[in-house]
Amino acid sequence: MRITVAGLRDMLEPGVRTLGFELVEVEYKGAAGGQNVLRVYIDSPKGITVDDCARVSRQVSALLDVEDPIAEAYVLEVSSPGLDRTLSKPEHFIRFSGSAVNVKTFQQINGQKVFHGKLLGLAGDAVQMELETGVIIEIPMKNVAKASLRASL
């Protein structure tokens, strides 16, 4: 690949946004001896339909054909982020306040790196959540390795 995943995201985001969708995440999975896959996850407040995915797929495909940032063969997949969607932007932590979440950190906090509980939102640049034990913690955004919604508390 001639570009980073972050570079792909920057390249694709304006085109996805012009269609009225949020670009949630971009993944590139190289497969040794198998098929490479570029996954683009989109969302909108009204949800995502199969037709929405097809529209975005055509837009992204055209852009990738022009820019040609990926040297090897790959399959493009466009879908919604699903029920266990990744939370990666500050607005996600605000929008999904009150939801059940899993958060993994780079550095330990109180001896642990994995937290489960209810998202309370943001306090400055820290994610606030109520753990399953009832304890409320704040995790600096820069320490969040991965955060995602989960089915229930």
C-alpha atoms as a PDB file:
ATOM      1  CA  MET A   1       0.000   0.000   0.000  1.00  0.00           C
ATOM      2  CA  ARG A   2       1.360   3.415  -0.960  1.00  0.00           C
ATOM      3  CA  ILE A   3      -0.642   5.256   1.689  1.00  0.00           C
ATOM      4  CA  THR A   4      -1.469   4.846   5.367  1.00  0.00           C
ATOM      5  CA  VAL A   5      -4.951   4.004   6.620  1.00  0.00           C
ATOM      6  CA  ALA A   6      -5.091   7.533   8.080  1.00  0.00           C
ATOM      7  CA  GLY A   7      -4.177   8.884   4.641  1.00  0.00           C
ATOM      8  CA  LEU A   8      -6.950   6.818   3.066  1.00  0.00           C
ATOM      9  CA  ARG A   9      -9.378   8.188   5.631  1.00  0.00           C
ATOM     10  CA  ASP A  10      -8.354  11.767   4.831  1.00  0.00           C
ATOM     11  CA  MET A  11      -8.707  11.065   1.112  1.00  0.00           C
ATOM     12  CA  LEU A  12     -12.148   9.422   1.354  1.00  0.00           C
ATOM     13  CA  GLU A  13     -13.838  11.514   4.042  1.00  0.00           C
ATOM     14  CA  PRO A  14     -14.801  14.551   1.893  1.00  0.00           C
ATOM     15  CA  GLY A  15     -16.449  12.369  -0.762  1.00  0.00           C
ATOM     16  CA  VAL A  16     -18.397  10.383   1.826  1.00  0.00           C
ATOM     17  CA  ARG A  17     -19.471  13.592   3.567  1.00  0.00           C
ATOM     18  CA  THR A  18     -20.745  15.125   0.282  1.00  0.00           C
ATOM     19  CA  LEU A  19     -23.166  12.202   0.055  1.00  0.00           C
ATOM     20  CA  GLY A  20     -24.468  13.069   3.529  1.00  0.00           C
ATOM     21  CA  PHE A  21     -22.742  10.344   5.550  1.00  0.00           C
ATOM     22  CA  GLU A  22     -20.168  10.201   8.305  1.00  0.00           C
ATOM     23  CA  LEU A  23     -17.014   8.206   7.623  1.00  0.00           C
ATOM     24  CA  VAL A  24     -16.710   6.265  10.874  1.00  0.00           C
ATOM     25  CA  GLU A  25     -13.722   4.045  10.205  1.00  0.00           C
ATOM     26  CA  VAL A  26     -11.418   2.761   7.478  1.00  0.00           C
ATOM     27  CA  GLU A  27      -9.666  -0.621   7.793  1.00  0.00           C
ATOM     28  CA  TYR A  28      -7.232  -2.310   5.447  1.00  0.00           C
ATOM     29  CA  LYS A  29      -6.575  -5.978   6.030  1.00  0.00           C
ATOM     30  CA  GLY A  30      -3.751  -7.448   4.028  1.00  0.00           C
ATOM     31  CA  ALA A  31      -4.014 -11.203   3.749  1.00  0.00           C
ATOM     32  CA  ALA A  32      -0.909 -13.313   3.242  1.00  0.00           C
ATOM     33  CA  GLY A  33      -1.784 -15.518   0.298  1.00  0.00           C
ATOM     34  CA  GLY A  34      -5.408 -14.402   0.504  1.00  0.00           C
ATOM     35  CA  GLN A  35      -7.524 -11.459  -0.520  1.00  0.00           C
ATOM     36  CA  ASN A  36      -6.801  -7.923   0.692  1.00  0.00           C
ATOM     37  CA  VAL A  37      -9.864  -6.047   1.970  1.00  0.00           C
ATOM     38  CA  LEU A  38     -10.497  -2.310   2.302  1.00  0.00           C
ATOM     39  CA  ARG A  39     -13.446  -1.771   4.669  1.00  0.00           C
ATOM     40  CA  VAL A  40     -15.187   1.581   4.883  1.00  0.00           C
ATOM     41  CA  TYR A  41     -17.729   2.070   7.675  1.00  0.00           C
ATOM     42  CA  ILE A  42     -20.328   4.818   7.276  1.00  0.00           C
ATOM     43  CA  ASP A  43     -23.159   6.134   9.420  1.00  0.00           C
ATOM     44  CA  SER A  44     -25.904   8.724   9.519  1.00  0.00           C
ATOM     45  CA  PRO A  45     -28.446   9.761  12.161  1.00  0.00           C
ATOM     46  CA  LYS A  46     -31.218   7.984  10.215  1.00  0.00           C
ATOM     47  CA  GLY A  47     -29.214   4.762   9.869  1.00  0.00           C
ATOM     48  CA  ILE A  48     -27.682   3.059   6.852  1.00  0.00           C
ATOM     49  CA  THR A  49     -29.394   1.083   4.100  1.00  0.00           C
ATOM     50  CA  VAL A  50     -27.967  -1.250   1.482  1.00  0.00           C
ATOM     51  CA  ASP A  51     -28.619   1.469  -1.120  1.00  0.00           C
ATOM     52  CA  ASP A  52     -26.593   3.939   0.978  1.00  0.00           C
ATOM     53  CA  CYS A  53     -23.678   1.492   1.022  1.00  0.00           C
ATOM     54  CA  ALA A  54     -23.932   1.049  -2.752  1.00  0.00           C
ATOM     55  CA  ARG A  55     -23.896   4.839  -3.339  1.00  0.00           C
ATOM     56  CA  VAL A  56     -20.861   5.300  -1.109  1.00  0.00           C
ATOM     57  CA  SER A  57     -19.147   2.290  -2.687  1.00  0.00           C
ATOM     58  CA  ARG A  58     -19.495   3.841  -6.168  1.00  0.00           C
ATOM     59  CA  GLN A  59     -18.159   7.194  -4.901  1.00  0.00           C
ATOM     60  CA  VAL A  60     -15.211   5.643  -3.044  1.00  0.00           C
ATOM     61  CA  SER A  61     -14.431   3.293  -5.940  1.00  0.00           C
ATOM     62  CA  ALA A  62     -14.268   6.181  -8.410  1.00  0.00           C
ATOM     63  CA  LEU A  63     -11.973   8.154  -6.123  1.00  0.00           C
ATOM     64  CA  LEU A  64      -9.698   5.170  -5.539  1.00  0.00           C
ATOM     65  CA  ASP A  65      -9.543   4.506  -9.284  1.00  0.00           C
ATOM     66  CA  VAL A  66      -8.351   8.079  -9.900  1.00  0.00           C
ATOM     67  CA  GLU A  67      -5.927   8.336  -6.963  1.00  0.00           C
ATOM     68  CA  ASP A  68      -4.743   4.688  -7.103  1.00  0.00           C
ATOM     69  CA  PRO A  69      -3.307   4.671  -3.541  1.00  0.00           C
ATOM     70  CA  ILE A  70      -3.260   0.874  -3.164  1.00  0.00           C
ATOM     71  CA  ALA A  71      -0.812  -1.020  -5.370  1.00  0.00           C
ATOM     72  CA  GLU A  72      -2.076  -4.553  -4.765  1.00  0.00           C
ATOM     73  CA  ALA A  73      -5.456  -6.049  -5.629  1.00  0.00           C
ATOM     74  CA  TYR A  74      -8.149  -5.659  -2.968  1.00  0.00           C
ATOM     75  CA  VAL A  75     -11.887  -5.927  -2.366  1.00  0.00           C
ATOM     76  CA  LEU A  76     -13.805  -2.826  -1.254  1.00  0.00           C
ATOM     77  CA  GLU A  77     -16.521  -3.327   1.377  1.00  0.00           C
ATOM     78  CA  VAL A  78     -18.786  -0.504   2.564  1.00  0.00           C
ATOM     79  CA  SER A  79     -21.085  -1.084   5.545  1.00  0.00           C
ATOM     80  CA  SER A  80     -22.575   0.414   8.672  1.00  0.00           C
ATOM     81  CA  PRO A  81     -20.503   0.215  11.852  1.00  0.00           C
ATOM     82  CA  GLY A  82     -22.998  -2.202  13.409  1.00  0.00           C
ATOM     83  CA  LEU A  83     -24.176  -2.565  16.988  1.00  0.00           C
ATOM     84  CA  ASP A  84     -20.649  -2.800  18.383  1.00  0.00           C
ATOM     85  CA  ARG A  85     -19.418   0.247  16.477  1.00  0.00           C
ATOM     86  CA  THR A  86     -16.083   1.817  17.250  1.00  0.00           C
ATOM     87  CA  LEU A  87     -16.067   5.182  19.006  1.00  0.00           C
ATOM     88  CA  SER A  88     -13.120   7.170  17.708  1.00  0.00           C
ATOM     89  CA  LYS A  89     -14.058  10.858  17.637  1.00  0.00           C
ATOM     90  CA  PRO A  90     -15.038  13.159  20.515  1.00  0.00           C
ATOM     91  CA  GLU A  91     -18.489  13.568  18.944  1.00  0.00           C
ATOM     92  CA  HIS A  92     -19.034   9.804  19.167  1.00  0.00           C
ATOM     93  CA  PHE A  93     -18.521   9.890  22.935  1.00  0.00           C
ATOM     94  CA  ILE A  94     -21.080  12.696  23.210  1.00  0.00           C
ATOM     95  CA  ARG A  95     -23.613  11.175  20.774  1.00  0.00           C
ATOM     96  CA  PHE A  96     -23.605   7.767  22.469  1.00  0.00           C
ATOM     97  CA  SER A  97     -23.658   9.022  26.053  1.00  0.00           C
ATOM     98  CA  GLY A  98     -25.784   6.644  28.140  1.00  0.00           C
ATOM     99  CA  SER A  99     -24.809   3.608  26.043  1.00  0.00           C
ATOM    100  CA  ALA A 100     -22.993   0.476  27.180  1.00  0.00           C
ATOM    101  CA  VAL A 101     -19.328   0.564  26.140  1.00  0.00           C
ATOM    102  CA  ASN A 102     -16.042  -1.315  26.267  1.00  0.00           C
ATOM    103  CA  VAL A 103     -12.880   0.771  26.524  1.00  0.00           C
ATOM    104  CA  LYS A 104      -9.300  -0.476  26.217  1.00  0.00           C
ATOM    105  CA  THR A 105      -6.444   1.813  27.240  1.00  0.00           C
ATOM    106  CA  PHE A 106      -2.790   2.076  26.268  1.00  0.00           C
ATOM    107  CA  GLN A 107      -1.695   2.625  29.882  1.00  0.00           C
ATOM    108  CA  GLN A 108      -3.138   0.975  32.963  1.00  0.00           C
ATOM    109  CA  ILE A 109      -5.556   2.870  35.166  1.00  0.00           C
ATOM    110  CA  ASN A 110      -5.896   1.487  38.681  1.00  0.00           C
ATOM    111  CA  GLY A 111      -4.140  -1.692  37.539  1.00  0.00           C
ATOM    112  CA  GLN A 112      -6.319  -2.454  34.524  1.00  0.00           C
ATOM    113  CA  LYS A 113      -6.524  -1.682  30.822  1.00  0.00           C
ATOM    114  CA  VAL A 114     -10.037  -2.934  29.935  1.00  0.00           C
ATOM    115  CA  PHE A 115     -13.187  -1.233  31.213  1.00  0.00           C
ATOM    116  CA  HIS A 116     -16.883  -2.105  30.805  1.00  0.00           C
ATOM    117  CA  GLY A 117     -19.739   0.162  31.752  1.00  0.00           C
ATOM    118  CA  LYS A 118     -21.994   3.046  30.783  1.00  0.00           C
ATOM    119  CA  LEU A 119     -20.643   5.967  28.787  1.00  0.00           C
ATOM    120  CA  LEU A 120     -21.370   9.258  30.534  1.00  0.00           C
ATOM    121  CA  GLY A 121     -19.834  11.483  27.848  1.00  0.00           C
ATOM    122  CA  LEU A 122     -16.787  13.735  27.787  1.00  0.00           C
ATOM    123  CA  ALA A 123     -15.310  15.977  30.455  1.00  0.00           C
ATOM    124  CA  GLY A 124     -12.836  18.167  28.644  1.00  0.00           C
ATOM    125  CA  ASP A 125     -10.559  15.725  26.838  1.00  0.00           C
ATOM    126  CA  ALA A 126     -11.433  12.723  29.015  1.00  0.00           C
ATOM    127  CA  VAL A 127     -14.018   9.978  28.509  1.00  0.00           C
ATOM    128  CA  GLN A 128     -16.294   9.605  31.517  1.00  0.00           C
ATOM    129  CA  MET A 129     -17.867   6.273  32.231  1.00  0.00           C
ATOM    130  CA  GLU A 130     -19.633   4.498  35.047  1.00  0.00           C
ATOM    131  CA  LEU A 131     -18.119   1.062  35.500  1.00  0.00           C
ATOM    132  CA  GLU A 132     -20.264  -1.999  36.167  1.00  0.00           C
ATOM    133  CA  THR A 133     -19.169  -1.683  39.813  1.00  0.00           C
ATOM    134  CA  GLY A 134     -20.768   1.784  40.010  1.00  0.00           C
ATOM    135  CA  VAL A 135     -17.417   3.603  40.127  1.00  0.00           C
ATOM    136  CA  ILE A 136     -17.151   6.628  37.835  1.00  0.00           C
ATOM    137  CA  ILE A 137     -13.822   7.070  36.065  1.00  0.00           C
ATOM    138  CA  GLU A 138     -12.286   9.467  33.565  1.00  0.00           C
ATOM    139  CA  ILE A 139      -9.972   8.175  30.865  1.00  0.00           C
ATOM    140  CA  PRO A 140      -7.911  10.723  28.927  1.00  0.00           C
ATOM    141  CA  MET A 141      -8.718  10.474  25.188  1.00  0.00           C
ATOM    142  CA  LYS A 142      -4.996  10.087  24.446  1.00  0.00           C
ATOM    143  CA  ASN A 143      -5.020   6.900  26.578  1.00  0.00           C
ATOM    144  CA  VAL A 144      -7.967   5.292  24.712  1.00  0.00           C
ATOM    145  CA  ALA A 145      -6.592   2.505  22.515  1.00  0.00           C
ATOM    146  CA  LYS A 146     -10.055   1.294  21.450  1.00  0.00           C
ATOM    147  CA  ALA A 147     -13.619   2.091  22.469  1.00  0.00           C
ATOM    148  CA  SER A 148     -16.773   0.459  21.174  1.00  0.00           C
ATOM    149  CA  LEU A 149     -20.456   0.138  21.905  1.00  0.00           C
ATOM    150  CA  ARG A 150     -21.712  -3.153  23.252  1.00  0.00           C
ATOM    151  CA  ALA A 151     -25.138  -4.768  23.282  1.00  0.00           C
ATOM    152  CA  SER A 152     -26.163  -4.006  26.868  1.00  0.00           C
ATOM    153  CA  LEU A 153     -25.031  -3.075  30.349  1.00  0.00           C
END
